[in-house]
C-alpha atoms as a PDB file:
ATOM      1  CA  MET A   1     -39.606 122.260  87.597  1.00  0.00           C
ATOM      2  CA  PRO A   2     -38.750 118.732  88.711  1.00  0.00           C
ATOM      3  CA  ARG A   3     -36.607 118.286  91.781  1.00  0.00           C
ATOM      4  CA  ILE A   4     -33.742 116.635  89.864  1.00  0.00           C
ATOM      5  CA  ALA A   5     -33.517 119.547  87.427  1.00  0.00           C
ATOM      6  CA  ARG A   6     -33.292 122.016  90.338  1.00  0.00           C
ATOM      7  CA  LEU A   7     -30.459 120.001  91.882  1.00  0.00           C
ATOM      8  CA  LEU A   8     -28.541 119.950  88.587  1.00  0.00           C
ATOM      9  CA  PHE A   9     -28.808 123.718  88.159  1.00  0.00           C
ATOM     10  CA  ALA A  10     -27.751 124.274  91.774  1.00  0.00           C
ATOM     11  CA  ASP A  11     -24.596 122.219  91.156  1.00  0.00           C
ATOM     12  CA  ASP A  12     -23.776 124.265  88.043  1.00  0.00           C
ATOM     13  CA  ASP A  13     -24.230 127.509  89.986  1.00  0.00           C
ATOM     14  CA  GLN A  14     -21.975 126.259  92.786  1.00  0.00           C
ATOM     15  CA  GLU A  15     -19.278 125.168  90.319  1.00  0.00           C
ATOM     16  CA  GLY A  16     -19.383 128.577  88.679  1.00  0.00           C
ATOM     17  CA  ALA A  17     -19.043 130.318  92.030  1.00  0.00           C
ATOM     18  CA  ASP A  18     -16.139 128.052  92.995  1.00  0.00           C
ATOM     19  CA  ARG A  19     -14.399 128.778  89.693  1.00  0.00           C
ATOM     20  CA  GLN A  20     -14.843 132.517  90.183  1.00  0.00           C
ATOM     21  CA  THR A  21     -13.443 132.329  93.716  1.00  0.00           C
ATOM     22  CA  ALA A  22     -10.424 130.354  92.522  1.00  0.00           C
ATOM     23  CA  SER A  23      -9.822 132.856  89.715  1.00  0.00           C
ATOM     24  CA  LEU A  24      -9.958 135.802  92.095  1.00  0.00           C
ATOM     25  CA  ALA A  25      -7.569 134.064  94.489  1.00  0.00           C
ATOM     26  CA  GLY A  26      -5.159 133.444  91.614  1.00  0.00           C
ATOM     27  CA  LEU A  27      -5.376 137.075  90.556  1.00  0.00           C
ATOM     28  CA  ALA A  28      -4.663 138.220  94.123  1.00  0.00           C
ATOM     29  CA  VAL A  29      -1.580 135.983  94.312  1.00  0.00           C
ATOM     30  CA  ALA A  30      -0.334 137.240  90.949  1.00  0.00           C
ATOM     31  CA  LEU A  31      -0.751 140.871  92.022  1.00  0.00           C
ATOM     32  CA  LEU A  32       1.066 140.180  95.277  1.00  0.00           C
ATOM     33  CA  LEU A  33       3.980 138.667  93.356  1.00  0.00           C
ATOM     34  CA  VAL A  34       4.117 141.707  91.056  1.00  0.00           C
ATOM     35  CA  VAL A  35       4.220 144.100  94.024  1.00  0.00           C
ATOM     36  CA  ILE A  36       6.959 142.083  95.734  1.00  0.00           C
ATOM     37  CA  GLY A  37       8.919 141.960  92.477  1.00  0.00           C
ATOM     38  CA  LEU A  38       8.704 145.719  91.998  1.00  0.00           C
ATOM     39  CA  PHE A  39       9.848 146.290  95.575  1.00  0.00           C
ATOM     40  CA  LEU A  40      12.848 144.010  95.033  1.00  0.00           C
ATOM     41  CA  VAL A  41      13.785 145.717  91.773  1.00  0.00           C
ATOM     42  CA  ARG A  42      13.724 149.159  93.402  1.00  0.00           C
ATOM     43  CA  THR A  43      15.745 147.997  96.397  1.00  0.00           C
ATOM     44  CA  LEU A  44      18.361 146.204  94.317  1.00  0.00           C
ATOM     45  CA  HIS A  45      18.708 149.170  91.952  1.00  0.00           C
ATOM     46  CA  ALA A  46      19.339 151.543  94.855  1.00  0.00           C
ATOM     47  CA  LYS A  47      21.994 149.221  96.270  1.00  0.00           C
ATOM     48  CA  CYS A  48      23.579 148.860  92.838  1.00  0.00           C
ATOM     49  CA  VAL A  49      23.880 152.631  92.418  1.00  0.00           C
ATOM     50  CA  VAL A  50      25.605 153.014  95.795  1.00  0.00           C
ATOM     51  CA  GLU A  51      27.903 150.065  95.089  1.00  0.00           C
ATOM     52  CA  ASP A  52      28.868 151.528  91.702  1.00  0.00           C
ATOM     53  CA  CYS A  53      29.676 154.814  93.408  1.00  0.00           C
ATOM     54  CA  LEU A  54      31.870 153.099  95.990  1.00  0.00           C
ATOM     55  CA  LEU A  55      33.637 150.952  93.397  1.00  0.00           C
ATOM     56  CA  ALA A  56      34.419 154.068  91.379  1.00  0.00           C
ATOM     57  CA  GLY A  57      36.446 155.288  94.356  1.00  0.00           C
ATOM     58  CA  ARG A  58      34.284 158.273  95.133  1.00  0.00           C
ATOM     59  CA  SER A  59      34.055 159.556  98.685  1.00  0.00           C
ATOM     60  CA  ASN A  60      30.740 161.439  98.433  1.00  0.00           C
ATOM     61  CA  CYS A  61      28.413 158.448  97.971  1.00  0.00           C
ATOM     62  CA  ASP A  62      26.162 159.736 100.745  1.00  0.00           C
ATOM     63  CA  SER A  63      24.623 162.190  98.266  1.00  0.00           C
ATOM     64  CA  VAL A  64      23.908 159.320  95.869  1.00  0.00           C
ATOM     65  CA  LEU A  65      22.286 157.358  98.687  1.00  0.00           C
ATOM     66  CA  LEU A  66      20.057 160.286  99.676  1.00  0.00           C
ATOM     67  CA  ALA A  67      19.122 161.040  96.048  1.00  0.00           C
ATOM     68  CA  SER A  68      18.014 157.456  95.416  1.00  0.00           C
ATOM     69  CA  HIS A  69      15.282 157.606  98.058  1.00  0.00           C
END
């Protein structure tokens, strides 16, 4: 195989590897954002339940707080 042909194939292999690395990095960032989003949803829901209990004028909201964990 001529030297120029080997260099061209090496560049294609490197570009493919770079594309795969970038795709995996993008997937990791997307998964991290999903995990953070789920954590925020759970936390905000728990706070909402306690706030609803307090706004309803109840005095036993401690049981609601313990049940939400």
